[in-house]
N, C-alpha and C. Protein backbone atom coordinates (compact mmCIF):
# COMPACT_ATOMS: atom_id res chain seq x y z
N MET A 1 34.28 1.74 30.46
CA MET A 1 33.64 0.43 30.45
C MET A 1 32.20 0.56 29.95
N HIS A 2 31.79 -0.30 29.09
CA HIS A 2 30.44 -0.24 28.57
C HIS A 2 29.55 -1.25 29.28
N LYS A 3 28.30 -0.89 29.35
CA LYS A 3 27.33 -1.77 29.99
C LYS A 3 26.84 -2.80 28.98
N ILE A 4 26.49 -3.95 29.48
CA ILE A 4 25.98 -5.01 28.62
C ILE A 4 24.65 -4.59 27.99
N THR A 5 23.88 -3.78 28.69
CA THR A 5 22.60 -3.33 28.12
C THR A 5 22.81 -2.44 26.90
N ASP A 6 23.89 -1.64 26.93
CA ASP A 6 24.20 -0.81 25.76
C ASP A 6 24.59 -1.65 24.56
N VAL A 7 25.40 -2.66 24.81
CA VAL A 7 25.84 -3.55 23.74
C VAL A 7 24.64 -4.31 23.15
N LEU A 8 23.78 -4.79 24.03
CA LEU A 8 22.60 -5.51 23.56
C LEU A 8 21.65 -4.60 22.80
N ALA A 9 21.54 -3.35 23.21
CA ALA A 9 20.69 -2.40 22.49
C ALA A 9 21.21 -2.17 21.07
N ILE A 10 22.52 -2.08 20.93
CA ILE A 10 23.12 -1.92 19.60
C ILE A 10 22.82 -3.14 18.74
N GLU A 11 22.96 -4.32 19.31
CA GLU A 11 22.67 -5.55 18.56
C GLU A 11 21.21 -5.62 18.14
N ARG A 12 20.30 -5.23 19.03
CA ARG A 12 18.87 -5.20 18.66
C ARG A 12 18.61 -4.22 17.53
N THR A 13 19.30 -3.10 17.57
CA THR A 13 19.13 -2.10 16.52
C THR A 13 19.65 -2.62 15.19
N LYS A 14 20.76 -3.34 15.21
CA LYS A 14 21.29 -3.94 13.97
C LYS A 14 20.30 -4.94 13.39
N LEU A 15 19.72 -5.76 14.27
CA LEU A 15 18.75 -6.75 13.80
C LEU A 15 17.49 -6.09 13.25
N ALA A 16 17.04 -5.01 13.90
CA ALA A 16 15.87 -4.29 13.40
C ALA A 16 16.15 -3.68 12.03
N ASN A 17 17.37 -3.18 11.84
CA ASN A 17 17.75 -2.62 10.54
C ASN A 17 17.72 -3.71 9.46
N GLN A 18 18.20 -4.88 9.80
CA GLN A 18 18.18 -6.00 8.84
C GLN A 18 16.75 -6.43 8.52
N ARG A 19 15.89 -6.46 9.54
CA ARG A 19 14.48 -6.82 9.30
C ARG A 19 13.81 -5.81 8.38
N THR A 20 14.15 -4.54 8.57
CA THR A 20 13.58 -3.50 7.71
C THR A 20 14.02 -3.69 6.26
N LEU A 21 15.29 -4.01 6.06
CA LEU A 21 15.77 -4.27 4.70
C LEU A 21 15.02 -5.45 4.09
N MET A 22 14.83 -6.50 4.86
CA MET A 22 14.10 -7.67 4.35
C MET A 22 12.66 -7.31 4.00
N ALA A 23 12.04 -6.41 4.76
CA ALA A 23 10.68 -5.98 4.45
C ALA A 23 10.64 -5.21 3.13
N TYR A 24 11.65 -4.36 2.89
CA TYR A 24 11.71 -3.66 1.61
C TYR A 24 11.88 -4.65 0.46
N LEU A 25 12.74 -5.62 0.63
CA LEU A 25 12.95 -6.62 -0.42
C LEU A 25 11.69 -7.44 -0.67
N ARG A 26 11.04 -7.84 0.41
CA ARG A 26 9.80 -8.63 0.28
C ARG A 26 8.73 -7.82 -0.46
N THR A 27 8.58 -6.55 -0.12
CA THR A 27 7.60 -5.70 -0.80
C THR A 27 7.93 -5.57 -2.28
N SER A 28 9.21 -5.41 -2.58
CA SER A 28 9.63 -5.29 -3.97
C SER A 28 9.30 -6.56 -4.76
N PHE A 29 9.55 -7.71 -4.16
CA PHE A 29 9.24 -8.97 -4.84
C PHE A 29 7.73 -9.18 -4.99
N TYR A 30 6.94 -8.71 -4.01
CA TYR A 30 5.49 -8.79 -4.15
C TYR A 30 5.02 -7.95 -5.33
N PHE A 31 5.57 -6.75 -5.46
CA PHE A 31 5.20 -5.89 -6.59
C PHE A 31 5.58 -6.55 -7.91
N LEU A 32 6.78 -7.10 -7.97
CA LEU A 32 7.23 -7.76 -9.18
C LEU A 32 6.34 -8.96 -9.50
N GLY A 33 6.03 -9.76 -8.48
CA GLY A 33 5.18 -10.94 -8.69
C GLY A 33 3.78 -10.57 -9.13
N LEU A 34 3.23 -9.51 -8.54
CA LEU A 34 1.90 -9.06 -8.94
C LEU A 34 1.90 -8.56 -10.38
N GLY A 35 2.95 -7.84 -10.74
CA GLY A 35 3.06 -7.37 -12.13
C GLY A 35 3.15 -8.53 -13.11
N LEU A 36 3.94 -9.54 -12.77
CA LEU A 36 4.05 -10.72 -13.64
C LEU A 36 2.73 -11.48 -13.72
N THR A 37 2.03 -11.54 -12.62
CA THR A 37 0.73 -12.22 -12.62
C THR A 37 -0.26 -11.50 -13.51
N ILE A 38 -0.30 -10.18 -13.41
CA ILE A 38 -1.22 -9.41 -14.25
C ILE A 38 -0.90 -9.59 -15.72
N VAL A 39 0.38 -9.59 -16.06
CA VAL A 39 0.77 -9.77 -17.46
C VAL A 39 0.47 -11.19 -17.93
N GLY A 40 0.65 -12.17 -17.05
CA GLY A 40 0.53 -13.57 -17.46
C GLY A 40 -0.88 -14.11 -17.57
N ILE A 41 -1.83 -13.51 -16.88
CA ILE A 41 -3.20 -14.03 -16.90
C ILE A 41 -4.03 -13.23 -17.89
N GLU A 42 -4.59 -13.92 -18.85
CA GLU A 42 -5.32 -13.27 -19.94
C GLU A 42 -6.58 -12.55 -19.47
N SER A 43 -7.22 -13.04 -18.42
CA SER A 43 -8.46 -12.40 -17.96
C SER A 43 -8.19 -11.06 -17.27
N PHE A 44 -6.92 -10.75 -17.01
CA PHE A 44 -6.54 -9.46 -16.42
C PHE A 44 -6.11 -8.46 -17.48
N GLU A 45 -6.61 -8.62 -18.68
CA GLU A 45 -6.19 -7.77 -19.81
C GLU A 45 -6.41 -6.28 -19.52
N LYS A 46 -7.49 -5.95 -18.86
CA LYS A 46 -7.78 -4.54 -18.56
C LYS A 46 -6.84 -3.96 -17.50
N LEU A 47 -6.19 -4.80 -16.75
CA LEU A 47 -5.31 -4.34 -15.67
C LEU A 47 -3.85 -4.22 -16.08
N LYS A 48 -3.55 -4.50 -17.34
CA LYS A 48 -2.14 -4.49 -17.76
C LYS A 48 -1.49 -3.12 -17.60
N CYS A 49 -2.28 -2.05 -17.60
CA CYS A 49 -1.71 -0.72 -17.39
C CYS A 49 -1.18 -0.56 -15.96
N ILE A 50 -1.64 -1.40 -15.06
CA ILE A 50 -1.14 -1.36 -13.68
C ILE A 50 0.19 -2.10 -13.56
N ALA A 51 0.45 -3.05 -14.43
CA ALA A 51 1.66 -3.87 -14.35
C ALA A 51 2.93 -3.04 -14.55
N VAL A 52 2.89 -2.08 -15.47
CA VAL A 52 4.09 -1.27 -15.75
C VAL A 52 4.55 -0.50 -14.52
N PRO A 53 3.66 0.22 -13.82
CA PRO A 53 4.13 0.90 -12.60
C PRO A 53 4.67 -0.07 -11.54
N LEU A 54 4.09 -1.25 -11.47
CA LEU A 54 4.60 -2.24 -10.51
C LEU A 54 6.02 -2.66 -10.86
N PHE A 55 6.28 -2.86 -12.16
CA PHE A 55 7.63 -3.21 -12.60
C PHE A 55 8.62 -2.08 -12.33
N VAL A 56 8.16 -0.84 -12.49
CA VAL A 56 9.04 0.31 -12.26
C VAL A 56 9.30 0.49 -10.77
N LEU A 57 8.28 0.31 -9.95
CA LEU A 57 8.43 0.50 -8.51
C LEU A 57 9.29 -0.56 -7.84
N SER A 58 9.28 -1.75 -8.37
CA SER A 58 10.02 -2.85 -7.74
C SER A 58 11.51 -2.55 -7.54
N PRO A 59 12.28 -2.19 -8.57
CA PRO A 59 13.69 -1.87 -8.32
C PRO A 59 13.87 -0.58 -7.52
N PHE A 60 12.92 0.36 -7.66
CA PHE A 60 12.99 1.59 -6.90
C PHE A 60 12.88 1.30 -5.39
N ILE A 61 12.00 0.39 -5.02
CA ILE A 61 11.84 0.01 -3.62
C ILE A 61 13.10 -0.67 -3.12
N ILE A 62 13.71 -1.53 -3.94
CA ILE A 62 14.98 -2.16 -3.54
C ILE A 62 16.04 -1.10 -3.30
N PHE A 63 16.13 -0.12 -4.19
CA PHE A 63 17.12 0.94 -4.04
C PHE A 63 16.90 1.71 -2.74
N ILE A 64 15.66 2.09 -2.47
CA ILE A 64 15.36 2.83 -1.23
C ILE A 64 15.70 1.98 -0.01
N GLY A 65 15.37 0.71 -0.05
CA GLY A 65 15.68 -0.18 1.07
C GLY A 65 17.17 -0.31 1.33
N LEU A 66 17.95 -0.48 0.26
CA LEU A 66 19.40 -0.60 0.42
C LEU A 66 20.01 0.71 0.90
N TRP A 67 19.53 1.82 0.35
CA TRP A 67 20.04 3.13 0.75
C TRP A 67 19.75 3.37 2.24
N SER A 68 18.54 3.07 2.65
CA SER A 68 18.16 3.24 4.05
C SER A 68 18.98 2.33 4.95
N PHE A 69 19.19 1.09 4.53
CA PHE A 69 19.94 0.13 5.33
C PHE A 69 21.37 0.62 5.57
N PHE A 70 22.05 1.03 4.51
CA PHE A 70 23.44 1.45 4.66
C PHE A 70 23.56 2.77 5.43
N LYS A 71 22.60 3.64 5.24
CA LYS A 71 22.60 4.91 5.99
C LYS A 71 22.45 4.64 7.48
N GLU A 72 21.50 3.80 7.85
CA GLU A 72 21.29 3.46 9.25
C GLU A 72 22.45 2.66 9.82
N GLN A 73 23.03 1.81 8.99
CA GLN A 73 24.18 1.01 9.43
C GLN A 73 25.34 1.91 9.84
N GLN A 74 25.56 2.97 9.09
CA GLN A 74 26.63 3.91 9.44
C GLN A 74 26.33 4.59 10.77
N LYS A 75 25.08 4.99 10.99
CA LYS A 75 24.71 5.61 12.26
C LYS A 75 24.92 4.64 13.42
N ILE A 76 24.52 3.40 13.22
CA ILE A 76 24.66 2.39 14.27
C ILE A 76 26.13 2.17 14.61
N GLU A 77 26.98 2.11 13.58
CA GLU A 77 28.41 1.91 13.82
C GLU A 77 29.02 3.08 14.59
N LYS A 78 28.59 4.30 14.28
CA LYS A 78 29.11 5.46 15.00
C LYS A 78 28.74 5.39 16.47
N VAL A 79 27.50 5.04 16.76
CA VAL A 79 27.06 4.92 18.14
C VAL A 79 27.80 3.77 18.83
N GLY A 80 27.98 2.67 18.11
CA GLY A 80 28.69 1.52 18.67
C GLY A 80 30.13 1.85 19.01
N GLN A 81 30.77 2.67 18.21
CA GLN A 81 32.16 3.06 18.49
C GLN A 81 32.23 3.98 19.70
N ARG A 82 31.23 4.82 19.91
CA ARG A 82 31.22 5.70 21.08
C ARG A 82 31.02 4.93 22.37
N ILE A 83 30.29 3.83 22.29
CA ILE A 83 30.04 3.03 23.49
C ILE A 83 31.30 2.28 23.93
N LYS A 84 32.08 1.84 22.96
CA LYS A 84 33.27 1.06 23.29
C LYS A 84 34.35 1.90 23.83
């Protein structure tokens, strides 16, 4: 028999994992938006060399976030199966 506190702890961990994924996605979109802003505003001409790394980092951050999410999700599922 499993305790309700164990079940609730697993649910909190799942929600924390989802929040972390959303933080990675949000950061990626901020980088993308900043890169687009630098490219789009003419007075930022000297900063255009910064835009390219931002564009490159944006999908890389999404990849890391998704990889981390699925890796942690597997760990959470294993622990959840042991509790049941």
